[in-house]
Amino acid sequence: MEKIEKIRKHIDELDLKIATLLDERENAVIKLGEEKKKSGLEITDEEREKEILKRLGKKSQREVFKKIIEISKNIQRGTFD
Protein backbone atom coordinates (compact mmCIF):
# COMPACT_ATOMS: atom_id res chain seq x y z
CA MET A 1 0.00 0.00 0.00
CA GLU A 2 2.90 2.34 0.68
CA LYS A 3 3.91 2.19 -2.98
CA ILE A 4 0.34 3.01 -4.06
CA GLU A 5 0.24 6.03 -1.75
CA LYS A 6 3.56 7.25 -3.15
CA ILE A 7 2.25 6.96 -6.71
CA ARG A 8 -0.99 8.72 -5.76
CA LYS A 9 0.98 11.55 -4.17
CA HIS A 10 2.93 11.93 -7.39
CA ILE A 11 -0.33 12.00 -9.39
CA ASP A 12 -1.69 14.69 -7.03
CA GLU A 13 1.42 16.81 -7.68
CA LEU A 14 0.99 16.37 -11.43
CA ASP A 15 -2.69 17.32 -11.16
CA LEU A 16 -1.73 20.60 -9.47
CA LYS A 17 0.74 21.37 -12.27
CA ILE A 18 -1.88 20.59 -14.90
CA ALA A 19 -4.43 22.81 -13.12
CA THR A 20 -1.95 25.70 -13.05
CA LEU A 21 -1.27 25.31 -16.77
CA LEU A 22 -4.99 25.14 -17.50
CA ASP A 23 -5.46 28.44 -15.62
CA GLU A 24 -2.73 30.02 -17.75
CA ARG A 25 -4.32 28.61 -20.90
CA GLU A 26 -7.72 29.95 -19.91
CA ASN A 27 -6.30 33.46 -19.48
CA ALA A 28 -4.72 33.23 -22.94
CA VAL A 29 -8.00 31.92 -24.39
CA ILE A 30 -9.90 34.90 -22.96
CA LYS A 31 -7.41 37.30 -24.57
CA LEU A 32 -7.64 35.39 -27.85
CA GLY A 33 -11.43 35.60 -27.81
CA GLU A 34 -11.29 39.36 -27.24
CA GLU A 35 -8.90 39.78 -30.18
CA LYS A 36 -11.07 37.60 -32.41
CA LYS A 37 -14.12 39.72 -31.56
CA LYS A 38 -12.23 42.95 -32.30
CA SER A 39 -11.09 41.53 -35.63
CA GLY A 40 -14.50 40.12 -36.51
CA LEU A 41 -13.16 36.56 -36.67
CA GLU A 42 -15.10 33.41 -35.92
CA ILE A 43 -14.39 31.66 -32.64
CA THR A 44 -14.04 28.27 -34.32
CA ASP A 45 -10.94 27.73 -36.47
CA GLU A 46 -11.10 24.13 -37.64
CA GLU A 47 -7.64 24.23 -39.24
CA ARG A 48 -6.10 25.41 -35.98
CA GLU A 49 -7.90 22.65 -34.07
CA LYS A 50 -6.56 20.05 -36.51
CA GLU A 51 -3.03 21.43 -36.06
CA ILE A 52 -3.28 21.13 -32.28
CA LEU A 53 -4.60 17.58 -32.38
CA LYS A 54 -2.08 16.50 -35.01
CA ARG A 55 0.83 17.43 -32.69
CA LEU A 56 -0.37 14.98 -30.07
CA GLY A 57 0.82 11.42 -30.39
CA LYS A 58 -1.47 9.55 -28.03
CA LYS A 59 -5.18 9.04 -28.57
CA SER A 60 -5.80 9.75 -24.89
CA GLN A 61 -4.11 13.15 -25.25
CA ARG A 62 -6.15 13.97 -28.35
CA GLU A 63 -9.37 13.13 -26.51
CA VAL A 64 -8.43 15.36 -23.58
CA PHE A 65 -7.52 18.21 -25.91
CA LYS A 66 -10.79 17.88 -27.83
CA LYS A 67 -12.53 18.67 -24.55
CA ILE A 68 -10.08 21.48 -23.75
CA ILE A 69 -10.74 23.00 -27.19
CA GLU A 70 -14.50 22.70 -26.74
CA ILE A 71 -14.35 24.43 -23.36
CA SER A 72 -11.97 27.07 -24.74
CA LYS A 73 -14.43 27.96 -27.50
CA ASN A 74 -17.24 28.26 -24.94
CA ILE A 75 -15.06 30.53 -22.81
CA GLN A 76 -14.40 32.73 -25.84
CA ARG A 77 -18.11 32.86 -26.59
CA GLY A 78 -18.85 33.73 -22.97
CA THR A 79 -21.06 30.67 -22.56
CA PHE A 80 -18.94 28.75 -20.05
CA ASP A 81 -19.40 29.42 -16.37
PDB file of N, CA and C in Angstrom:
ATOM      1  N   MET A   1       0.821  -1.217   0.000  1.00  0.00           N
ATOM      2  CA  MET A   1       0.000   0.000   0.000  1.00  0.00           C
ATOM      3  C   MET A   1       0.854   1.266   0.000  1.00  0.00           C
ATOM      4  N   GLU A   2       2.031   1.176   0.610  1.00  0.00           N
ATOM      5  CA  GLU A   2       2.904   2.344   0.678  1.00  0.00           C
ATOM      6  C   GLU A   2       3.286   2.816  -0.722  1.00  0.00           C
ATOM      7  N   LYS A   3       3.540   1.867  -1.597  1.00  0.00           N
ATOM      8  CA  LYS A   3       3.905   2.193  -2.977  1.00  0.00           C
ATOM      9  C   LYS A   3       2.740   2.894  -3.689  1.00  0.00           C
ATOM     10  N   ILE A   4       1.527   2.404  -3.455  1.00  0.00           N
ATOM     11  CA  ILE A   4       0.337   3.008  -4.057  1.00  0.00           C
ATOM     12  C   ILE A   4       0.184   4.448  -3.581  1.00  0.00           C
ATOM     13  N   GLU A   5       0.358   4.677  -2.296  1.00  0.00           N
ATOM     14  CA  GLU A   5       0.239   6.030  -1.753  1.00  0.00           C
ATOM     15  C   GLU A   5       1.288   6.968  -2.355  1.00  0.00           C
ATOM     16  N   LYS A   6       2.490   6.455  -2.543  1.00  0.00           N
ATOM     17  CA  LYS A   6       3.556   7.253  -3.151  1.00  0.00           C
ATOM     18  C   LYS A   6       3.194   7.638  -4.592  1.00  0.00           C
ATOM     19  N   ILE A   7       2.662   6.686  -5.328  1.00  0.00           N
ATOM     20  CA  ILE A   7       2.248   6.959  -6.707  1.00  0.00           C
ATOM     21  C   ILE A   7       1.091   7.957  -6.729  1.00  0.00           C
ATOM     22  N   ARG A   8       0.143   7.787  -5.828  1.00  0.00           N
ATOM     23  CA  ARG A   8      -0.992   8.721  -5.757  1.00  0.00           C
ATOM     24  C   ARG A   8      -0.519  10.130  -5.409  1.00  0.00           C
ATOM     25  N   LYS A   9       0.433  10.237  -4.532  1.00  0.00           N
ATOM     26  CA  LYS A   9       0.979  11.550  -4.168  1.00  0.00           C
ATOM     27  C   LYS A   9       1.606  12.209  -5.399  1.00  0.00           C
ATOM     28  N   HIS A  10       2.316  11.413  -6.161  1.00  0.00           N
ATOM     29  CA  HIS A  10       2.927  11.934  -7.389  1.00  0.00           C
ATOM     30  C   HIS A  10       1.842  12.402  -8.372  1.00  0.00           C
ATOM     31  N   ILE A  11       0.778  11.624  -8.514  1.00  0.00           N
ATOM     32  CA  ILE A  11      -0.332  12.004  -9.386  1.00  0.00           C
ATOM     33  C   ILE A  11      -0.970  13.304  -8.901  1.00  0.00           C
ATOM     34  N   ASP A  12      -1.133  13.448  -7.584  1.00  0.00           N
ATOM     35  CA  ASP A  12      -1.689  14.690  -7.029  1.00  0.00           C
ATOM     36  C   ASP A  12      -0.816  15.886  -7.394  1.00  0.00           C
ATOM     37  N   GLU A  13       0.500  15.726  -7.316  1.00  0.00           N
ATOM     38  CA  GLU A  13       1.417  16.805  -7.682  1.00  0.00           C
ATOM     39  C   GLU A  13       1.290  17.149  -9.162  1.00  0.00           C
ATOM     40  N   LEU A  14       1.175  16.133  -9.995  1.00  0.00           N
ATOM     41  CA  LEU A  14       0.991  16.366 -11.427  1.00  0.00           C
ATOM     42  C   LEU A  14      -0.332  17.076 -11.701  1.00  0.00           C
ATOM     43  N   ASP A  15      -1.385  16.679 -10.988  1.00  0.00           N
ATOM     44  CA  ASP A  15      -2.690  17.321 -11.157  1.00  0.00           C
ATOM     45  C   ASP A  15      -2.617  18.817 -10.854  1.00  0.00           C
ATOM     46  N   LEU A  16      -1.880  19.183  -9.808  1.00  0.00           N
ATOM     47  CA  LEU A  16      -1.734  20.603  -9.473  1.00  0.00           C
ATOM     48  C   LEU A  16      -1.012  21.352 -10.582  1.00  0.00           C
ATOM     49  N   LYS A  17       0.011  20.740 -11.155  1.00  0.00           N
ATOM     50  CA  LYS A  17       0.737  21.371 -12.271  1.00  0.00           C
ATOM     51  C   LYS A  17      -0.183  21.543 -13.479  1.00  0.00           C
ATOM     52  N   ILE A  18      -0.952  20.512 -13.771  1.00  0.00           N
ATOM     53  CA  ILE A  18      -1.882  20.592 -14.896  1.00  0.00           C
ATOM     54  C   ILE A  18      -2.912  21.690 -14.660  1.00  0.00           C
ATOM     55  N   ALA A  19      -3.438  21.779 -13.446  1.00  0.00           N
ATOM     56  CA  ALA A  19      -4.431  22.809 -13.121  1.00  0.00           C
ATOM     57  C   ALA A  19      -3.846  24.211 -13.296  1.00  0.00           C
ATOM     58  N   THR A  20      -2.608  24.402 -12.888  1.00  0.00           N
ATOM     59  CA  THR A  20      -1.949  25.699 -13.050  1.00  0.00           C
ATOM     60  C   THR A  20      -1.810  26.037 -14.532  1.00  0.00           C
ATOM     61  N   LEU A  21      -1.397  25.081 -15.324  1.00  0.00           N
ATOM     62  CA  LEU A  21      -1.267  25.305 -16.766  1.00  0.00           C
ATOM     63  C   LEU A  21      -2.621  25.569 -17.421  1.00  0.00           C
ATOM     64  N   LEU A  22      -3.658  24.896 -16.962  1.00  0.00           N
ATOM     65  CA  LEU A  22      -4.994  25.144 -17.498  1.00  0.00           C
ATOM     66  C   LEU A  22      -5.468  26.560 -17.162  1.00  0.00           C
ATOM     67  N   ASP A  23      -5.129  27.050 -15.979  1.00  0.00           N
ATOM     68  CA  ASP A  23      -5.455  28.437 -15.625  1.00  0.00           C
ATOM     69  C   ASP A  23      -4.752  29.411 -16.566  1.00  0.00           C
ATOM     70  N   GLU A  24      -3.486  29.170 -16.832  1.00  0.00           N
ATOM     71  CA  GLU A  24      -2.731  30.022 -17.753  1.00  0.00           C
ATOM     72  C   GLU A  24      -3.340  29.967 -19.154  1.00  0.00           C
ATOM     73  N   ARG A  25      -3.721  28.770 -19.577  1.00  0.00           N
ATOM     74  CA  ARG A  25      -4.316  28.613 -20.899  1.00  0.00           C
ATOM     75  C   ARG A  25      -5.646  29.352 -20.972  1.00  0.00           C
ATOM     76  N   GLU A  26      -6.436  29.270 -19.914  1.00  0.00           N
ATOM     77  CA  GLU A  26      -7.723  29.953 -19.906  1.00  0.00           C
ATOM     78  C   GLU A  26      -7.541  31.465 -20.041  1.00  0.00           C
ATOM     79  N   ASN A  27      -6.570  32.020 -19.350  1.00  0.00           N
ATOM     80  CA  ASN A  27      -6.305  33.455 -19.476  1.00  0.00           C
ATOM     81  C   ASN A  27      -5.924  33.822 -20.905  1.00  0.00           C
ATOM     82  N   ALA A  28      -5.104  32.983 -21.547  1.00  0.00           N
ATOM     83  CA  ALA A  28      -4.722  33.227 -22.935  1.00  0.00           C
ATOM     84  C   ALA A  28      -5.928  33.096 -23.864  1.00  0.00           C
ATOM     85  N   VAL A  29      -6.803  32.133 -23.584  1.00  0.00           N
ATOM     86  CA  VAL A  29      -8.004  31.916 -24.388  1.00  0.00           C
ATOM     87  C   VAL A  29      -8.929  33.132 -24.304  1.00  0.00           C
ATOM     88  N   ILE A  30      -9.058  33.702 -23.128  1.00  0.00           N
ATOM     89  CA  ILE A  30      -9.896  34.897 -22.957  1.00  0.00           C
ATOM     90  C   ILE A  30      -9.348  36.033 -23.812  1.00  0.00           C
ATOM     91  N   LYS A  31      -8.040  36.255 -23.761  1.00  0.00           N
ATOM     92  CA  LYS A  31      -7.411  37.303 -24.575  1.00  0.00           C
ATOM     93  C   LYS A  31      -7.606  37.026 -26.065  1.00  0.00           C
ATOM     94  N   LEU A  32      -7.450  35.766 -26.456  1.00  0.00           N
ATOM     95  CA  LEU A  32      -7.636  35.392 -27.852  1.00  0.00           C
ATOM     96  C   LEU A  32      -9.061  35.690 -28.300  1.00  0.00           C
ATOM     97  N   GLY A  33     -10.028  35.339 -27.481  1.00  0.00           N
ATOM     98  CA  GLY A  33     -11.430  35.603 -27.807  1.00  0.00           C
ATOM     99  C   GLY A  33     -11.703  37.081 -27.979  1.00  0.00           C
ATOM    100  N   GLU A  34     -11.115  37.901 -27.128  1.00  0.00           N
ATOM    101  CA  GLU A  34     -11.285  39.360 -27.238  1.00  0.00           C
ATOM    102  C   GLU A  34     -10.711  39.868 -28.550  1.00  0.00           C
ATOM    103  N   GLU A  35      -9.534  39.369 -28.924  1.00  0.00           N
ATOM    104  CA  GLU A  35      -8.901  39.785 -30.181  1.00  0.00           C
ATOM    105  C   GLU A  35      -9.706  39.313 -31.394  1.00  0.00           C
ATOM    106  N   LYS A  36     -10.243  38.104 -31.315  1.00  0.00           N
ATOM    107  CA  LYS A  36     -11.068  37.600 -32.412  1.00  0.00           C
ATOM    108  C   LYS A  36     -12.306  38.473 -32.586  1.00  0.00           C
ATOM    109  N   LYS A  37     -12.928  38.861 -31.485  1.00  0.00           N
ATOM    110  CA  LYS A  37     -14.115  39.718 -31.560  1.00  0.00           C
ATOM    111  C   LYS A  37     -13.772  41.064 -32.176  1.00  0.00           C
ATOM    112  N   LYS A  38     -12.662  41.668 -31.750  1.00  0.00           N
ATOM    113  CA  LYS A  38     -12.228  42.952 -32.304  1.00  0.00           C
ATOM    114  C   LYS A  38     -11.977  42.861 -33.800  1.00  0.00           C
ATOM    115  N   SER A  39     -11.443  41.724 -34.221  1.00  0.00           N
ATOM    116  CA  SER A  39     -11.092  41.527 -35.630  1.00  0.00           C
ATOM    117  C   SER A  39     -12.241  40.969 -36.460  1.00  0.00           C
ATOM    118  N   GLY A  40     -13.349  40.660 -35.808  1.00  0.00           N
ATOM    119  CA  GLY A  40     -14.499  40.116 -36.513  1.00  0.00           C
ATOM    120  C   GLY A  40     -14.298  38.676 -36.972  1.00  0.00           C
ATOM    121  N   LEU A  41     -13.429  37.959 -36.302  1.00  0.00           N
ATOM    122  CA  LEU A  41     -13.162  36.565 -36.670  1.00  0.00           C
ATOM    123  C   LEU A  41     -14.090  35.615 -35.934  1.00  0.00           C
ATOM    124  N   GLU A  42     -14.302  34.461 -36.541  1.00  0.00           N
ATOM    125  CA  GLU A  42     -15.099  33.412 -35.920  1.00  0.00           C
ATOM    126  C   GLU A  42     -14.315  32.806 -34.755  1.00  0.00           C
ATOM    127  N   ILE A  43     -15.029  32.324 -33.766  1.00  0.00           N
ATOM    128  CA  ILE A  43     -14.393  31.659 -32.635  1.00  0.00           C
ATOM    129  C   ILE A  43     -13.780  30.331 -33.083  1.00  0.00           C
ATOM    130  N   THR A  44     -14.515  29.577 -33.873  1.00  0.00           N
ATOM    131  CA  THR A  44     -14.036  28.269 -34.325  1.00  0.00           C
ATOM    132  C   THR A  44     -13.096  28.411 -35.506  1.00  0.00           C
ATOM    133  N   ASP A  45     -11.933  27.791 -35.388  1.00  0.00           N
ATOM    134  CA  ASP A  45     -10.944  27.730 -36.466  1.00  0.00           C
ATOM    135  C   ASP A  45     -10.567  26.255 -36.621  1.00  0.00           C
ATOM    136  N   GLU A  46     -11.271  25.582 -37.507  1.00  0.00           N
ATOM    137  CA  GLU A  46     -11.102  24.131 -37.645  1.00  0.00           C
ATOM    138  C   GLU A  46      -9.677  23.742 -38.030  1.00  0.00           C
ATOM    139  N   GLU A  47      -9.024  24.546 -38.852  1.00  0.00           N
ATOM    140  CA  GLU A  47      -7.644  24.232 -39.242  1.00  0.00           C
ATOM    141  C   GLU A  47      -6.718  24.288 -38.035  1.00  0.00           C
ATOM    142  N   ARG A  48      -6.904  25.285 -37.192  1.00  0.00           N
ATOM    143  CA  ARG A  48      -6.096  25.409 -35.976  1.00  0.00           C
ATOM    144  C   ARG A  48      -6.334  24.211 -35.051  1.00  0.00           C
ATOM    145  N   GLU A  49      -7.584  23.803 -34.915  1.00  0.00           N
ATOM    146  CA  GLU A  49      -7.904  22.652 -34.073  1.00  0.00           C
ATOM    147  C   GLU A  49      -7.208  21.394 -34.597  1.00  0.00           C
ATOM    148  N   LYS A  50      -7.230  21.202 -35.915  1.00  0.00           N
ATOM    149  CA  LYS A  50      -6.563  20.048 -36.512  1.00  0.00           C
ATOM    150  C   LYS A  50      -5.057  20.086 -36.243  1.00  0.00           C
ATOM    151  N   GLU A  51      -4.460  21.280 -36.337  1.00  0.00           N
ATOM    152  CA  GLU A  51      -3.027  21.432 -36.057  1.00  0.00           C
ATOM    153  C   GLU A  51      -2.700  20.998 -34.630  1.00  0.00           C
ATOM    154  N   ILE A  52      -3.501  21.456 -33.696  1.00  0.00           N
ATOM    155  CA  ILE A  52      -3.276  21.133 -32.282  1.00  0.00           C
ATOM    156  C   ILE A  52      -3.349  19.626 -32.070  1.00  0.00           C
ATOM    157  N   LEU A  53      -4.400  19.007 -32.588  1.00  0.00           N
ATOM    158  CA  LEU A  53      -4.604  17.577 -32.383  1.00  0.00           C
ATOM    159  C   LEU A  53      -3.549  16.737 -33.102  1.00  0.00           C
ATOM    160  N   LYS A  54      -3.086  17.229 -34.232  1.00  0.00           N
ATOM    161  CA  LYS A  54      -2.076  16.501 -35.014  1.00  0.00           C
ATOM    162  C   LYS A  54      -0.746  16.417 -34.265  1.00  0.00           C
ATOM    163  N   ARG A  55      -0.431  17.414 -33.452  1.00  0.00           N
ATOM    164  CA  ARG A  55       0.830  17.428 -32.693  1.00  0.00           C
ATOM    165  C   ARG A  55       0.866  16.381 -31.592  1.00  0.00           C
ATOM    166  N   LEU A  56      -0.282  15.913 -31.201  1.00  0.00           N
ATOM    167  CA  LEU A  56      -0.371  14.983 -30.073  1.00  0.00           C
ATOM    168  C   LEU A  56      -0.292  13.544 -30.555  1.00  0.00           C
ATOM    169  N   GLY A  57       0.578  12.774 -29.942  1.00  0.00           N
ATOM    170  CA  GLY A  57       0.817  11.417 -30.392  1.00  0.00           C
ATOM    171  C   GLY A  57      -0.172  10.392 -29.874  1.00  0.00           C
ATOM    172  N   LYS A  58      -0.617  10.557 -28.652  1.00  0.00           N
ATOM    173  CA  LYS A  58      -1.470   9.549 -28.034  1.00  0.00           C
ATOM    174  C   LYS A  58      -2.948   9.881 -28.200  1.00  0.00           C
ATOM    175  N   LYS A  59      -3.735   8.850 -28.438  1.00  0.00           N
ATOM    176  CA  LYS A  59      -5.180   9.043 -28.570  1.00  0.00           C
ATOM    177  C   LYS A  59      -5.763   9.653 -27.295  1.00  0.00           C
ATOM    178  N   SER A  60      -5.282   9.217 -26.154  1.00  0.00           N
ATOM    179  CA  SER A  60      -5.803   9.751 -24.890  1.00  0.00           C
ATOM    180  C   SER A  60      -5.561  11.253 -24.799  1.00  0.00           C
ATOM    181  N   GLN A  61      -4.411  11.711 -25.265  1.00  0.00           N
ATOM    182  CA  GLN A  61      -4.115  13.148 -25.254  1.00  0.00           C
ATOM    183  C   GLN A  61      -5.038  13.898 -26.205  1.00  0.00           C
ATOM    184  N   ARG A  62      -5.255  13.314 -27.387  1.00  0.00           N
ATOM    185  CA  ARG A  62      -6.151  13.972 -28.352  1.00  0.00           C
ATOM    186  C   ARG A  62      -7.559  14.107 -27.781  1.00  0.00           C
ATOM    187  N   GLU A  63      -8.024  13.080 -27.088  1.00  0.00           N
ATOM    188  CA  GLU A  63      -9.367  13.128 -26.509  1.00  0.00           C
ATOM    189  C   GLU A  63      -9.466  14.213 -25.435  1.00  0.00           C
ATOM    190  N   VAL A  64      -8.446  14.313 -24.607  1.00  0.00           N
ATOM    191  CA  VAL A  64      -8.431  15.358 -23.576  1.00  0.00           C
ATOM    192  C   VAL A  64      -8.431  16.732 -24.232  1.00  0.00           C
ATOM    193  N   PHE A  65      -7.611  16.898 -25.261  1.00  0.00           N
ATOM    194  CA  PHE A  65      -7.520  18.207 -25.906  1.00  0.00           C
ATOM    195  C   PHE A  65      -8.778  18.565 -26.689  1.00  0.00           C
ATOM    196  N   LYS A  66      -9.494  17.582 -27.194  1.00  0.00           N
ATOM    197  CA  LYS A  66     -10.786  17.885 -27.833  1.00  0.00           C
ATOM    198  C   LYS A  66     -11.700  18.571 -26.821  1.00  0.00           C
ATOM    199  N   LYS A  67     -11.698  18.070 -25.598  1.00  0.00           N
ATOM    200  CA  LYS A  67     -12.534  18.666 -24.554  1.00  0.00           C
ATOM    201  C   LYS A  67     -12.002  20.048 -24.168  1.00  0.00           C
ATOM    202  N   ILE A  68     -10.688  20.183 -24.065  1.00  0.00           N
ATOM    203  CA  ILE A  68     -10.083  21.484 -23.750  1.00  0.00           C
ATOM    204  C   ILE A  68     -10.455  22.497 -24.827  1.00  0.00           C
ATOM    205  N   ILE A  69     -10.385  22.101 -26.084  1.00  0.00           N
ATOM    206  CA  ILE A  69     -10.736  23.001 -27.186  1.00  0.00           C
ATOM    207  C   ILE A  69     -12.208  23.388 -27.114  1.00  0.00           C
ATOM    208  N   GLU A  70     -13.063  22.422 -26.854  1.00  0.00           N
ATOM    209  CA  GLU A  70     -14.501  22.696 -26.737  1.00  0.00           C
ATOM    210  C   GLU A  70     -14.767  23.713 -25.629  1.00  0.00           C
ATOM    211  N   ILE A  71     -14.166  23.508 -24.480  1.00  0.00           N
ATOM    212  CA  ILE A  71     -14.353  24.434 -23.362  1.00  0.00           C
ATOM    213  C   ILE A  71     -13.757  25.801 -23.696  1.00  0.00           C
ATOM    214  N   SER A  72     -12.615  25.807 -24.362  1.00  0.00           N
ATOM    215  CA  SER A  72     -11.969  27.072 -24.741  1.00  0.00           C
ATOM    216  C   SER A  72     -12.865  27.902 -25.655  1.00  0.00           C
ATOM    217  N   LYS A  73     -13.520  27.239 -26.605  1.00  0.00           N
ATOM    218  CA  LYS A  73     -14.426  27.964 -27.503  1.00  0.00           C
ATOM    219  C   LYS A  73     -15.616  28.531 -26.720  1.00  0.00           C
ATOM    220  N   ASN A  74     -16.126  27.765 -25.764  1.00  0.00           N
ATOM    221  CA  ASN A  74     -17.239  28.264 -24.941  1.00  0.00           C
ATOM    222  C   ASN A  74     -16.802  29.442 -24.084  1.00  0.00           C
ATOM    223  N   ILE A  75     -15.582  29.402 -23.580  1.00  0.00           N
ATOM    224  CA  ILE A  75     -15.056  30.532 -22.809  1.00  0.00           C
ATOM    225  C   ILE A  75     -14.990  31.767 -23.698  1.00  0.00           C
ATOM    226  N   GLN A  76     -14.490  31.601 -24.921  1.00  0.00           N
ATOM    227  CA  GLN A  76     -14.396  32.733 -25.843  1.00  0.00           C
ATOM    228  C   GLN A  76     -15.760  33.294 -26.208  1.00  0.00           C
ATOM    229  N   ARG A  77     -16.748  32.423 -26.278  1.00  0.00           N
ATOM    230  CA  ARG A  77     -18.115  32.862 -26.589  1.00  0.00           C
ATOM    231  C   ARG A  77     -18.796  33.490 -25.365  1.00  0.00           C
ATOM    232  N   GLY A  78     -18.225  33.243 -24.191  1.00  0.00           N
ATOM    233  CA  GLY A  78     -18.851  33.729 -22.968  1.00  0.00           C
ATOM    234  C   GLY A  78     -19.983  32.840 -22.494  1.00  0.00           C
ATOM    235  N   THR A  79     -19.959  31.575 -22.918  1.00  0.00           N
ATOM    236  CA  THR A  79     -21.056  30.669 -22.563  1.00  0.00           C
ATOM    237  C   THR A  79     -20.611  29.588 -21.580  1.00  0.00           C
ATOM    238  N   PHE A  80     -19.414  29.732 -21.009  1.00  0.00           N
ATOM    239  CA  PHE A  80     -18.937  28.747 -20.053  1.00  0.00           C
ATOM    240  C   PHE A  80     -18.813  29.420 -18.703  1.00  0.00           C
ATOM    241  N   ASP A  81     -19.441  28.831 -17.707  1.00  0.00           N
ATOM    242  CA  ASP A  81     -19.395  29.421 -16.365  1.00  0.00           C
ATOM    243  C   ASP A  81     -18.496  28.612 -15.467  1.00  0.00           C
TER     244      ASP A  81
END
